[in-house]
Every structure is written in structure tokens, then in C-alpha cells.
Amino acid sequence: MAVWNIIVCCIYGYDKLCAIKGYQRISEFTLLFLAFAFGGLGALLGMVLWHHKTQKWKFKIIVPIALLWSVFAIGYGYGLVVI
């Protein structure tokens, strides 16, 4: 999980670099999908570290939800969350 979150953080950094250089960007859908694919912490870290997508309300709301989803899903998978 840690490696995956580092990869997601690096992808956010790469997209920021593409934005600066004018290269082809990674779609917002893909960035949010990566956050929900157990990369919520990496996405949040990438937003803060690279100052990327921090002004977009969609990312301000959905990425923390993705982080909570990841924590809940991992806890549920290990039997730590009881409903």
C-alpha cells in the first residue's frame, strides 16, 4: 500500500510538471480514480506537496473522501471495522 501511494503521489507530481511544461496532461477522471483505487493518501500528499489541483473544489472534496474510503476499506478487510 505504501508503494502504491508513493506512485500515486508521483503521478500527481508528473501531471503538475506536464501542466508547467505544456505537455499532454493526465485526465481529472484518472487522477480521481487513482485516489479511489487505494491511493487516497498519495493523492492528498501529491496535492499538498506539489500544490496541484488544490484550487479545484472537486479535488478538495473528493480526495479526502477517497482517503476515508481507503482507510475504511482496509480496516474492513482486516476485520477492524464492525458495522
Protein backbone atom coordinates (compact mmCIF):
# COMPACT_ATOMS: atom_id res chain seq x y z
CA MET A 1 0.00 0.00 0.00
CA ALA A 2 2.81 2.40 0.80
CA VAL A 3 4.45 1.84 -2.59
CA TRP A 4 1.15 2.40 -4.39
CA ASN A 5 0.55 5.68 -2.54
CA ILE A 6 4.07 6.85 -3.41
CA ILE A 7 3.36 6.04 -7.07
CA VAL A 8 0.09 8.00 -6.96
CA CYS A 9 1.90 10.95 -5.35
CA CYS A 10 4.49 10.83 -8.14
CA ILE A 11 1.74 10.72 -10.79
CA TYR A 12 0.26 13.91 -9.32
CA GLY A 13 3.74 15.45 -9.47
CA TYR A 14 4.17 14.32 -13.07
CA ASP A 15 0.83 15.90 -14.00
CA LYS A 16 1.95 19.13 -12.36
CA LEU A 17 5.17 19.03 -14.40
CA CYS A 18 3.14 18.44 -17.57
CA ALA A 19 0.99 21.45 -16.68
CA ILE A 20 4.06 23.65 -16.27
CA LYS A 21 5.80 22.42 -19.45
CA GLY A 22 2.63 22.40 -21.58
CA TYR A 23 2.71 18.65 -22.26
CA GLN A 24 -0.32 16.40 -22.54
CA ARG A 25 -1.98 16.08 -19.14
CA ILE A 26 -3.47 13.20 -17.19
CA SER A 27 -7.25 13.49 -17.07
CA GLU A 28 -9.00 14.52 -13.86
CA PHE A 29 -11.00 11.30 -14.01
CA THR A 30 -7.80 9.24 -13.96
CA LEU A 31 -6.35 11.24 -11.07
CA LEU A 32 -9.52 10.77 -9.03
CA PHE A 33 -9.73 7.11 -10.00
CA LEU A 34 -6.20 6.57 -8.69
CA ALA A 35 -7.23 8.22 -5.43
CA PHE A 36 -10.17 5.83 -5.05
CA ALA A 37 -8.03 2.84 -6.04
CA PHE A 38 -6.50 2.87 -2.53
CA GLY A 39 -4.29 5.85 -3.37
CA GLY A 40 -6.12 8.44 -1.28
CA LEU A 41 -3.15 9.23 0.95
CA GLY A 42 -0.80 9.53 -2.03
CA ALA A 43 -3.26 11.77 -3.86
CA LEU A 44 -3.66 14.05 -0.85
CA LEU A 45 0.09 14.13 -0.32
CA GLY A 46 0.62 14.88 -4.02
CA MET A 47 -1.87 17.74 -3.87
CA VAL A 48 -0.13 19.28 -0.87
CA LEU A 49 3.46 18.53 -1.87
CA TRP A 50 3.18 19.65 -5.50
CA HIS A 51 0.47 22.32 -4.91
CA HIS A 52 -1.51 20.57 -7.62
CA LYS A 53 -5.29 20.73 -8.04
CA THR A 54 -5.62 22.50 -4.68
CA GLN A 55 -7.93 25.20 -6.06
CA LYS A 56 -10.39 22.79 -7.67
CA TRP A 57 -13.37 22.14 -5.40
CA LYS A 58 -13.81 18.68 -6.88
CA PHE A 59 -10.38 17.61 -5.65
CA LYS A 60 -10.73 19.40 -2.30
CA ILE A 61 -13.85 17.35 -1.55
CA ILE A 62 -13.36 14.04 -3.35
CA VAL A 63 -9.71 13.27 -2.47
CA PRO A 64 -10.32 13.35 1.32
CA ILE A 65 -13.37 11.14 0.74
CA ALA A 66 -11.13 8.76 -1.21
CA LEU A 67 -8.69 8.73 1.71
CA LEU A 68 -11.51 7.86 4.11
CA TRP A 69 -12.69 5.18 1.68
CA SER A 70 -9.21 3.66 1.64
CA VAL A 71 -8.92 3.65 5.42
CA PHE A 72 -12.39 2.17 5.83
CA ALA A 73 -11.90 -0.49 3.15
CA ILE A 74 -8.54 -1.60 4.53
CA GLY A 75 -9.91 -1.68 8.07
CA TYR A 76 -12.95 -3.64 6.94
CA GLY A 77 -10.75 -6.06 5.01
CA TYR A 78 -8.69 -6.78 8.10
CA GLY A 79 -11.79 -7.10 10.26
CA LEU A 80 -11.09 -3.95 12.25
CA VAL A 81 -14.37 -2.24 11.33
CA VAL A 82 -17.58 -3.72 12.62
CA ILE A 83 -20.85 -2.42 11.24
